[in-house]
């Protein structure tokens, strides 16, 4: 399969992945199944200094080791974000935060 077709397939599945599931489920799937399954070869829009922040409320938080934290009588605000520190060839260095 040539590179252009393969990249279009990656982009199509990444688009489905981003648009069809809530963020919490996408994050859980990416952690559980492995980040490599959900990344593109190289994201052209990823540049030094770019960042993203996702904020959501939840009554419970599930960790990758199988434990969970439940908030009694309310919801917690979770913040997940990343910032691109540098890009070299097809490798990006990211600062990832989860609070």
PDB file of N, CA and C in Angstrom:
ATOM      1  N   UNK A   1       0.860  -1.171   0.000  1.00  0.00           N
ATOM      2  CA  UNK A   1       0.000   0.000   0.000  1.00  0.00           C
ATOM      3  C   UNK A   1       0.904   1.231   0.000  1.00  0.00           C
ATOM      4  N   UNK A   2       0.627   2.165  -0.881  1.00  0.00           N
ATOM      5  CA  UNK A   2       1.527   3.310  -0.927  1.00  0.00           C
ATOM      6  C   UNK A   2       1.278   4.248   0.255  1.00  0.00           C
ATOM      7  N   UNK A   3       2.271   5.084   0.508  1.00  0.00           N
ATOM      8  CA  UNK A   3       2.292   5.936   1.696  1.00  0.00           C
ATOM      9  C   UNK A   3       1.105   6.906   1.759  1.00  0.00           C
ATOM     10  N   UNK A   4       0.728   7.502   0.632  1.00  0.00           N
ATOM     11  CA  UNK A   4      -0.364   8.483   0.606  1.00  0.00           C
ATOM     12  C   UNK A   4      -1.692   7.839   1.007  1.00  0.00           C
ATOM     13  N   UNK A   5      -1.974   6.657   0.476  1.00  0.00           N
ATOM     14  CA  UNK A   5      -3.218   5.959   0.824  1.00  0.00           C
ATOM     15  C   UNK A   5      -3.207   5.559   2.293  1.00  0.00           C
ATOM     16  N   UNK A   6      -2.058   5.059   2.763  1.00  0.00           N
ATOM     17  CA  UNK A   6      -1.954   4.669   4.168  1.00  0.00           C
ATOM     18  C   UNK A   6      -2.194   5.871   5.086  1.00  0.00           C
ATOM     19  N   UNK A   7      -1.623   7.029   4.749  1.00  0.00           N
ATOM     20  CA  UNK A   7      -1.827   8.229   5.563  1.00  0.00           C
ATOM     21  C   UNK A   7      -3.283   8.679   5.543  1.00  0.00           C
ATOM     22  N   UNK A   8      -3.954   8.571   4.398  1.00  0.00           N
ATOM     23  CA  UNK A   8      -5.380   8.910   4.332  1.00  0.00           C
ATOM     24  C   UNK A   8      -6.212   7.977   5.210  1.00  0.00           C
ATOM     25  N   UNK A   9      -5.845   6.707   5.237  1.00  0.00           N
ATOM     26  CA  UNK A   9      -6.550   5.751   6.108  1.00  0.00           C
ATOM     27  C   UNK A   9      -6.334   6.116   7.569  1.00  0.00           C
ATOM     28  N   UNK A  10      -5.078   6.453   7.947  1.00  0.00           N
ATOM     29  CA  UNK A  10      -4.801   6.895   9.316  1.00  0.00           C
ATOM     30  C   UNK A  10      -5.653   8.115   9.680  1.00  0.00           C
ATOM     31  N   UNK A  11      -5.696   9.087   8.784  1.00  0.00           N
ATOM     32  CA  UNK A  11      -6.460  10.311   9.047  1.00  0.00           C
ATOM     33  C   UNK A  11      -7.942   9.997   9.187  1.00  0.00           C
ATOM     34  N   UNK A  12      -8.483   9.133   8.341  1.00  0.00           N
ATOM     35  CA  UNK A  12      -9.893   8.752   8.417  1.00  0.00           C
ATOM     36  C   UNK A  12     -10.222   8.110   9.764  1.00  0.00           C
ATOM     37  N   UNK A  13      -9.413   7.133  10.189  1.00  0.00           N
ATOM     38  CA  UNK A  13      -9.692   6.475  11.461  1.00  0.00           C
ATOM     39  C   UNK A  13      -9.458   7.403  12.646  1.00  0.00           C
ATOM     40  N   UNK A  14      -8.473   8.299  12.536  1.00  0.00           N
ATOM     41  CA  UNK A  14      -8.251   9.269  13.594  1.00  0.00           C
ATOM     42  C   UNK A  14      -9.442  10.220  13.705  1.00  0.00           C
ATOM     43  N   UNK A  15      -9.992  10.646  12.574  1.00  0.00           N
ATOM     44  CA  UNK A  15     -11.177  11.497  12.568  1.00  0.00           C
ATOM     45  C   UNK A  15     -12.358  10.777  13.222  1.00  0.00           C
ATOM     46  N   UNK A  16     -12.577   9.516  12.854  1.00  0.00           N
ATOM     47  CA  UNK A  16     -13.650   8.740  13.490  1.00  0.00           C
ATOM     48  C   UNK A  16     -13.422   8.622  14.986  1.00  0.00           C
ATOM     49  N   UNK A  17     -12.184   8.366  15.357  1.00  0.00           N
ATOM     50  CA  UNK A  17     -11.824   8.231  16.766  1.00  0.00           C
ATOM     51  C   UNK A  17     -12.106   9.528  17.528  1.00  0.00           C
ATOM     52  N   UNK A  18     -11.758  10.669  16.957  1.00  0.00           N
ATOM     53  CA  UNK A  18     -11.940  11.952  17.637  1.00  0.00           C
ATOM     54  C   UNK A  18     -13.398  12.389  17.704  1.00  0.00           C
ATOM     55  N   UNK A  19     -14.179  12.074  16.696  1.00  0.00           N
ATOM     56  CA  UNK A  19     -15.536  12.607  16.600  1.00  0.00           C
ATOM     57  C   UNK A  19     -16.616  11.671  17.122  1.00  0.00           C
ATOM     58  N   UNK A  20     -16.314  10.414  17.263  1.00  0.00           N
ATOM     59  CA  UNK A  20     -17.385   9.476  17.576  1.00  0.00           C
ATOM     60  C   UNK A  20     -17.482   9.094  19.041  1.00  0.00           C
ATOM     61  N   UNK A  21     -16.498   9.448  19.862  1.00  0.00           N
ATOM     62  CA  UNK A  21     -16.524   9.038  21.264  1.00  0.00           C
ATOM     63  C   UNK A  21     -16.296  10.233  22.176  1.00  0.00           C
ATOM     64  N   UNK A  22     -16.860  10.186  23.382  1.00  0.00           N
ATOM     65  CA  UNK A  22     -16.565  11.242  24.353  1.00  0.00           C
ATOM     66  C   UNK A  22     -15.084  11.204  24.735  1.00  0.00           C
ATOM     67  N   UNK A  23     -14.562  12.338  25.180  1.00  0.00           N
ATOM     68  CA  UNK A  23     -13.136  12.448  25.479  1.00  0.00           C
ATOM     69  C   UNK A  23     -12.680  11.423  26.502  1.00  0.00           C
ATOM     70  N   UNK A  24     -13.455  11.205  27.572  1.00  0.00           N
ATOM     71  CA  UNK A  24     -13.036  10.282  28.618  1.00  0.00           C
ATOM     72  C   UNK A  24     -12.855   8.873  28.074  1.00  0.00           C
ATOM     73  N   UNK A  25     -13.743   8.441  27.194  1.00  0.00           N
ATOM     74  CA  UNK A  25     -13.630   7.112  26.603  1.00  0.00           C
ATOM     75  C   UNK A  25     -12.425   7.041  25.674  1.00  0.00           C
ATOM     76  N   UNK A  26     -12.174   8.089  24.891  1.00  0.00           N
ATOM     77  CA  UNK A  26     -11.005   8.105  24.009  1.00  0.00           C
ATOM     78  C   UNK A  26      -9.724   8.012  24.816  1.00  0.00           C
ATOM     79  N   UNK A  27      -9.651   8.771  25.924  1.00  0.00           N
ATOM     80  CA  UNK A  27      -8.461   8.753  26.763  1.00  0.00           C
ATOM     81  C   UNK A  27      -8.260   7.370  27.353  1.00  0.00           C
ATOM     82  N   UNK A  28      -9.336   6.744  27.833  1.00  0.00           N
ATOM     83  CA  UNK A  28      -9.248   5.409  28.415  1.00  0.00           C
ATOM     84  C   UNK A  28      -8.782   4.400  27.373  1.00  0.00           C
ATOM     85  N   UNK A  29      -9.358   4.447  26.174  1.00  0.00           N
ATOM     86  CA  UNK A  29      -8.961   3.518  25.111  1.00  0.00           C
ATOM     87  C   UNK A  29      -7.500   3.713  24.723  1.00  0.00           C
ATOM     88  N   UNK A  30      -7.080   4.957  24.613  1.00  0.00           N
ATOM     89  CA  UNK A  30      -5.702   5.226  24.223  1.00  0.00           C
ATOM     90  C   UNK A  30      -4.725   4.698  25.264  1.00  0.00           C
ATOM     91  N   UNK A  31      -5.045   4.868  26.550  1.00  0.00           N
ATOM     92  CA  UNK A  31      -4.168   4.377  27.611  1.00  0.00           C
ATOM     93  C   UNK A  31      -4.218   2.857  27.677  1.00  0.00           C
ATOM     94  N   UNK A  32      -5.409   2.273  27.594  1.00  0.00           N
ATOM     95  CA  UNK A  32      -5.579   0.828  27.733  1.00  0.00           C
ATOM     96  C   UNK A  32      -4.989   0.068  26.545  1.00  0.00           C
ATOM     97  N   UNK A  33      -5.222   0.544  25.337  1.00  0.00           N
ATOM     98  CA  UNK A  33      -4.777  -0.173  24.143  1.00  0.00           C
ATOM     99  C   UNK A  33      -3.401   0.260  23.655  1.00  0.00           C
ATOM    100  N   UNK A  34      -2.920   1.372  24.144  1.00  0.00           N
ATOM    101  CA  UNK A  34      -1.604   1.859  23.720  1.00  0.00           C
ATOM    102  C   UNK A  34      -1.739   3.083  22.835  1.00  0.00           C
ATOM    103  N   UNK A  35      -0.963   4.117  23.149  1.00  0.00           N
ATOM    104  CA  UNK A  35      -1.043   5.381  22.423  1.00  0.00           C
ATOM    105  C   UNK A  35      -0.742   5.202  20.937  1.00  0.00           C
ATOM    106  N   UNK A  36       0.162   4.274  20.599  1.00  0.00           N
ATOM    107  CA  UNK A  36       0.576   4.119  19.199  1.00  0.00           C
ATOM    108  C   UNK A  36      -0.583   3.764  18.282  1.00  0.00           C
ATOM    109  N   UNK A  37      -1.593   3.117  18.817  1.00  0.00           N
ATOM    110  CA  UNK A  37      -2.721   2.725  17.983  1.00  0.00           C
ATOM    111  C   UNK A  37      -3.509   3.946  17.493  1.00  0.00           C
ATOM    112  N   UNK A  38      -3.417   5.053  18.214  1.00  0.00           N
ATOM    113  CA  UNK A  38      -4.256   6.207  17.919  1.00  0.00           C
ATOM    114  C   UNK A  38      -3.491   7.422  17.430  1.00  0.00           C
ATOM    115  N   UNK A  39      -2.226   7.268  17.116  1.00  0.00           N
ATOM    116  CA  UNK A  39      -1.476   8.445  16.664  1.00  0.00           C
ATOM    117  C   UNK A  39      -1.234   8.367  15.166  1.00  0.00           C
ATOM    118  N   UNK A  40      -1.102   9.516  14.578  1.00  0.00           N
ATOM    119  CA  UNK A  40      -0.726   9.583  13.174  1.00  0.00           C
ATOM    120  C   UNK A  40       0.793   9.563  13.085  1.00  0.00           C
ATOM    121  N   UNK A  41       1.312   9.274  11.908  1.00  0.00           N
ATOM    122  CA  UNK A  41       2.768   9.261  11.727  1.00  0.00           C
ATOM    123  C   UNK A  41       3.376  10.591  12.174  1.00  0.00           C
ATOM    124  N   UNK A  42       2.846  11.673  11.669  1.00  0.00           N
ATOM    125  CA  UNK A  42       3.330  12.992  12.059  1.00  0.00           C
ATOM    126  C   UNK A  42       2.215  13.989  11.817  1.00  0.00           C
ATOM    127  N   UNK A  43       1.842  14.691  12.840  1.00  0.00           N
ATOM    128  CA  UNK A  43       0.759  15.665  12.728  1.00  0.00           C
ATOM    129  C   UNK A  43       1.335  16.987  12.228  1.00  0.00           C
ATOM    130  N   UNK A  44       0.914  17.413  11.062  1.00  0.00           N
ATOM    131  CA  UNK A  44       1.493  18.592  10.438  1.00  0.00           C
ATOM    132  C   UNK A  44       1.209  19.869  11.213  1.00  0.00           C
ATOM    133  N   UNK A  45       0.127  19.906  11.977  1.00  0.00           N
ATOM    134  CA  UNK A  45      -0.214  21.113  12.715  1.00  0.00           C
ATOM    135  C   UNK A  45       0.539  21.207  14.032  1.00  0.00           C
ATOM    136  N   UNK A  46       1.268  20.159  14.408  1.00  0.00           N
ATOM    137  CA  UNK A  46       1.989  20.146  15.679  1.00  0.00           C
ATOM    138  C   UNK A  46       3.293  20.924  15.529  1.00  0.00           C
ATOM    139  N   UNK A  47       3.387  22.045  16.230  1.00  0.00           N
ATOM    140  CA  UNK A  47       4.566  22.900  16.170  1.00  0.00           C
ATOM    141  C   UNK A  47       4.961  23.304  17.578  1.00  0.00           C
ATOM    142  N   UNK A  48       6.183  23.742  17.729  1.00  0.00           N
ATOM    143  CA  UNK A  48       6.676  24.203  19.020  1.00  0.00           C
ATOM    144  C   UNK A  48       5.794  25.343  19.529  1.00  0.00           C
ATOM    145  N   UNK A  49       5.398  25.259  20.795  1.00  0.00           N
ATOM    146  CA  UNK A  49       4.573  26.295  21.403  1.00  0.00           C
ATOM    147  C   UNK A  49       3.078  26.050  21.320  1.00  0.00           C
ATOM    148  N   UNK A  50       2.623  25.124  20.480  1.00  0.00           N
ATOM    149  CA  UNK A  50       1.189  24.817  20.387  1.00  0.00           C
ATOM    150  C   UNK A  50       0.770  24.025  21.619  1.00  0.00           C
ATOM    151  N   UNK A  51      -0.470  24.221  22.053  1.00  0.00           N
ATOM    152  CA  UNK A  51      -0.960  23.499  23.222  1.00  0.00           C
ATOM    153  C   UNK A  51      -2.453  23.235  23.088  1.00  0.00           C
ATOM    154  N   UNK A  52      -2.927  22.330  23.913  1.00  0.00           N
ATOM    155  CA  UNK A  52      -4.360  22.022  23.978  1.00  0.00           C
ATOM    156  C   UNK A  52      -4.711  21.733  25.426  1.00  0.00           C
ATOM    157  N   UNK A  53      -5.938  22.078  25.799  1.00  0.00           N
ATOM    158  CA  UNK A  53      -6.413  21.817  27.158  1.00  0.00           C
ATOM    159  C   UNK A  53      -7.847  21.317  27.069  1.00  0.00           C
ATOM    160  N   UNK A  54      -8.127  20.225  27.756  1.00  0.00           N
ATOM    161  CA  UNK A  54      -9.461  19.633  27.792  1.00  0.00           C
ATOM    162  C   UNK A  54      -9.937  19.647  29.240  1.00  0.00           C
ATOM    163  N   UNK A  55     -11.128  20.184  29.476  1.00  0.00           N
ATOM    164  CA  UNK A  55     -11.690  20.257  30.825  1.00  0.00           C
ATOM    165  C   UNK A  55     -13.021  19.522  30.823  1.00  0.00           C
ATOM    166  N   UNK A  56     -13.202  18.636  31.807  1.00  0.00           N
ATOM    167  CA  UNK A  56     -14.466  17.913  31.914  1.00  0.00           C
ATOM    168  C   UNK A  56     -14.760  17.631  33.378  1.00  0.00           C
ATOM    169  N   UNK A  57     -16.033  17.438  33.690  1.00  0.00           N
ATOM    170  CA  UNK A  57     -16.465  17.111  35.049  1.00  0.00           C
ATOM    171  C   UNK A  57     -16.818  15.632  35.106  1.00  0.00           C
ATOM    172  N   UNK A  58     -16.501  15.017  36.244  1.00  0.00           N
ATOM    173  CA  UNK A  58     -16.741  13.589  36.380  1.00  0.00           C
ATOM    174  C   UNK A  58     -17.033  13.244  37.837  1.00  0.00           C
ATOM    175  N   UNK A  59     -17.890  12.245  38.043  1.00  0.00           N
ATOM    176  CA  UNK A  59     -18.159  11.745  39.393  1.00  0.00           C
ATOM    177  C   UNK A  59     -17.126  10.714  39.810  1.00  0.00           C
ATOM    178  N   UNK A  60     -16.379  10.193  38.858  1.00  0.00           N
ATOM    179  CA  UNK A  60     -15.356   9.197  39.166  1.00  0.00           C
ATOM    180  C   UNK A  60     -14.207   9.318  38.175  1.00  0.00           C
ATOM    181  N   UNK A  61     -13.048   8.878  38.623  1.00  0.00           N
ATOM    182  CA  UNK A  61     -11.855   8.887  37.788  1.00  0.00           C
ATOM    183  C   UNK A  61     -11.275   7.479  37.810  1.00  0.00           C
ATOM    184  N   UNK A  62     -10.997   6.930  36.649  1.00  0.00           N
ATOM    185  CA  UNK A  62     -10.433   5.585  36.535  1.00  0.00           C
ATOM    186  C   UNK A  62      -8.966   5.689  36.134  1.00  0.00           C
ATOM    187  N   UNK A  63      -8.116   4.987  36.867  1.00  0.00           N
ATOM    188  CA  UNK A  63      -6.684   5.003  36.591  1.00  0.00           C
ATOM    189  C   UNK A  63      -6.287   3.755  35.808  1.00  0.00           C
ATOM    190  N   UNK A  64      -5.146   3.819  35.136  1.00  0.00           N
ATOM    191  CA  UNK A  64      -4.741   2.718  34.255  1.00  0.00           C
ATOM    192  C   UNK A  64      -4.366   1.453  35.018  1.00  0.00           C
ATOM    193  N   UNK A  65      -4.087   1.542  36.311  1.00  0.00           N
ATOM    194  CA  UNK A  65      -3.758   0.336  37.070  1.00  0.00           C
ATOM    195  C   UNK A  65      -5.006  -0.379  37.581  1.00  0.00           C
ATOM    196  N   UNK A  66      -6.196   0.058  37.156  1.00  0.00           N
ATOM    197  CA  UNK A  66      -7.442  -0.612  37.520  1.00  0.00           C
ATOM    198  C   UNK A  66      -8.147  -0.027  38.731  1.00  0.00           C
ATOM    199  N   UNK A  67      -7.555   0.930  39.404  1.00  0.00           N
ATOM    200  CA  UNK A  67      -8.204   1.544  40.555  1.00  0.00           C
ATOM    201  C   UNK A  67      -9.084   2.699  40.093  1.00  0.00           C
ATOM    202  N   UNK A  68      -9.960   3.125  40.984  1.00  0.00           N
ATOM    203  CA  UNK A  68     -10.837   4.244  40.650  1.00  0.00           C
ATOM    204  C   UNK A  68     -11.056   5.108  41.879  1.00  0.00           C
ATOM    205  N   UNK A  69     -11.442   6.337  41.635  1.00  0.00           N
ATOM    206  CA  UNK A  69     -11.709   7.310  42.687  1.00  0.00           C
ATOM    207  C   UNK A  69     -13.101   7.867  42.452  1.00  0.00           C
ATOM    208  N   UNK A  70     -13.979   7.738  43.439  1.00  0.00           N
ATOM    209  CA  UNK A  70     -15.350   8.236  43.320  1.00  0.00           C
ATOM    210  C   UNK A  70     -15.512   9.480  44.180  1.00  0.00           C
ATOM    211  N   UNK A  71     -16.205  10.482  43.668  1.00  0.00           N
ATOM    212  CA  UNK A  71     -16.471  11.723  44.381  1.00  0.00           C
ATOM    213  C   UNK A  71     -17.866  11.602  44.980  1.00  0.00           C
ATOM    214  N   UNK A  72     -17.957  11.632  46.297  1.00  0.00           N
ATOM    215  CA  UNK A  72     -19.238  11.463  46.979  1.00  0.00           C
ATOM    216  C   UNK A  72     -20.007  12.779  46.987  1.00  0.00           C
ATOM    217  N   UNK A  73     -21.175  12.793  46.369  1.00  0.00           N
ATOM    218  CA  UNK A  73     -22.055  13.952  46.403  1.00  0.00           C
ATOM    219  C   UNK A  73     -21.646  15.095  45.497  1.00  0.00           C
ATOM    220  N   UNK A  74     -20.931  14.839  44.445  1.00  0.00           N
ATOM    221  CA  UNK A  74     -20.554  15.927  43.547  1.00  0.00           C
ATOM    222  C   UNK A  74     -19.747  15.444  42.377  1.00  0.00           C
ATOM    223  N   UNK A  75     -19.203  16.404  41.670  1.00  0.00           N
ATOM    224  CA  UNK A  75     -18.375  16.091  40.509  1.00  0.00           C
ATOM    225  C   UNK A  75     -17.040  16.803  40.643  1.00  0.00           C
ATOM    226  N   UNK A  76     -16.004  16.145  40.184  1.00  0.00           N
ATOM    227  CA  UNK A  76     -14.673  16.746  40.178  1.00  0.00           C
ATOM    228  C   UNK A  76     -14.401  17.321  38.793  1.00  0.00           C
ATOM    229  N   UNK A  77     -13.635  18.381  38.754  1.00  0.00           N
ATOM    230  CA  UNK A  77     -13.219  18.946  37.482  1.00  0.00           C
ATOM    231  C   UNK A  77     -11.837  18.401  37.152  1.00  0.00           C
ATOM    232  N   UNK A  78     -11.733  17.724  36.033  1.00  0.00           N
ATOM    233  CA  UNK A  78     -10.452  17.178  35.581  1.00  0.00           C
ATOM    234  C   UNK A  78      -9.946  18.021  34.415  1.00  0.00           C
ATOM    235  N   UNK A  79      -8.650  18.262  34.400  1.00  0.00           N
ATOM    236  CA  UNK A  79      -8.030  19.038  33.330  1.00  0.00           C
ATOM    237  C   UNK A  79      -6.904  18.201  32.732  1.00  0.00           C
ATOM    238  N   UNK A  80      -6.990  17.963  31.435  1.00  0.00           N
ATOM    239  CA  UNK A  80      -5.959  17.226  30.704  1.00  0.00           C
ATOM    240  C   UNK A  80      -5.423  18.144  29.624  1.00  0.00           C
ATOM    241  N   UNK A  81      -4.119  18.229  29.510  1.00  0.00           N
ATOM    242  CA  UNK A  81      -3.562  19.108  28.496  1.00  0.00           C
ATOM    243  C   UNK A  81      -2.173  18.690  28.063  1.00  0.00           C
ATOM    244  N   UNK A  82      -1.728  19.257  26.967  1.00  0.00           N
ATOM    245  CA  UNK A  82      -0.372  19.032  26.490  1.00  0.00           C
ATOM    246  C   UNK A  82       0.140  20.297  25.824  1.00  0.00           C
ATOM    247  N   UNK A  83       1.466  20.421  25.819  1.00  0.00           N
ATOM    248  CA  UNK A  83       2.134  21.527  25.136  1.00  0.00           C
ATOM    249  C   UNK A  83       3.316  20.958  24.366  1.00  0.00           C
ATOM    250  N   UNK A  84       3.482  21.378  23.137  1.00  0.00           N
ATOM    251  CA  UNK A  84       4.590  20.905  22.306  1.00  0.00           C
ATOM    252  C   UNK A  84       5.846  21.703  22.654  1.00  0.00           C
ATOM    253  N   UNK A  85       6.880  21.009  23.135  1.00  0.00           N
ATOM    254  CA  UNK A  85       8.132  21.666  23.496  1.00  0.00           C
ATOM    255  C   UNK A  85       9.089  21.766  22.313  1.00  0.00           C
ATOM    256  N   UNK A  86       9.116  20.730  21.480  1.00  0.00           N
ATOM    257  CA  UNK A  86       9.977  20.764  20.297  1.00  0.00           C
ATOM    258  C   UNK A  86       9.542  19.695  19.302  1.00  0.00           C
ATOM    259  N   UNK A  87       9.919  19.893  18.047  1.00  0.00           N
ATOM    260  CA  UNK A  87       9.646  18.920  16.987  1.00  0.00           C
ATOM    261  C   UNK A  87      10.926  18.741  16.184  1.00  0.00           C
ATOM    262  N   UNK A  88      11.372  17.489  16.050  1.00  0.00           N
ATOM    263  CA  UNK A  88      12.530  17.165  15.220  1.00  0.00           C
ATOM    264  C   UNK A  88      12.150  16.010  14.319  1.00  0.00           C
ATOM    265  N   UNK A  89      12.244  16.222  13.008  1.00  0.00           N
ATOM    266  CA  UNK A  89      11.840  15.223  12.015  1.00  0.00           C
ATOM    267  C   UNK A  89      10.407  14.793  12.290  1.00  0.00           C
ATOM    268  N   UNK A  90      10.188  13.543  12.699  1.00  0.00           N
ATOM    269  CA  UNK A  90       8.819  13.098  12.988  1.00  0.00           C
ATOM    270  C   UNK A  90       8.629  12.759  14.463  1.00  0.00           C
ATOM    271  N   UNK A  91       9.452  13.360  15.335  1.00  0.00           N
ATOM    272  CA  UNK A  91       9.349  13.134  16.775  1.00  0.00           C
ATOM    273  C   UNK A  91       9.051  14.460  17.462  1.00  0.00           C
ATOM    274  N   UNK A  92       7.995  14.470  18.259  1.00  0.00           N
ATOM    275  CA  UNK A  92       7.628  15.675  19.008  1.00  0.00           C
ATOM    276  C   UNK A  92       7.812  15.413  20.497  1.00  0.00           C
ATOM    277  N   UNK A  93       8.339  16.394  21.205  1.00  0.00           N
ATOM    278  CA  UNK A  93       8.473  16.313  22.654  1.00  0.00           C
ATOM    279  C   UNK A  93       7.316  17.100  23.262  1.00  0.00           C
ATOM    280  N   UNK A  94       6.495  16.418  24.069  1.00  0.00           N
ATOM    281  CA  UNK A  94       5.306  17.029  24.651  1.00  0.00           C
ATOM    282  C   UNK A  94       5.404  17.081  26.163  1.00  0.00           C
ATOM    283  N   UNK A  95       4.843  18.119  26.736  1.00  0.00           N
ATOM    284  CA  UNK A  95       4.656  18.211  28.178  1.00  0.00           C
ATOM    285  C   UNK A  95       3.183  17.919  28.427  1.00  0.00           C
ATOM    286  N   UNK A  96       2.875  16.776  29.055  1.00  0.00           N
ATOM    287  CA  UNK A  96       1.495  16.347  29.273  1.00  0.00           C
ATOM    288  C   UNK A  96       1.144  16.523  30.740  1.00  0.00           C
ATOM    289  N   UNK A  97      -0.010  17.152  31.010  1.00  0.00           N
ATOM    290  CA  UNK A  97      -0.456  17.354  32.390  1.00  0.00           C
ATOM    291  C   UNK A  97      -1.862  16.797  32.575  1.00  0.00           C
ATOM    292  N   UNK A  98      -2.106  16.292  33.755  1.00  0.00           N
ATOM    293  CA  UNK A  98      -3.436  15.805  34.127  1.00  0.00           C
ATOM    294  C   UNK A  98      -3.673  16.195  35.571  1.00  0.00           C
ATOM    295  N   UNK A  99      -4.653  17.085  35.817  1.00  0.00           N
ATOM    296  CA  UNK A  99      -4.952  17.519  37.183  1.00  0.00           C
ATOM    297  C   UNK A  99      -6.420  17.365  37.466  1.00  0.00           C
TER     298      UNK A  99
END
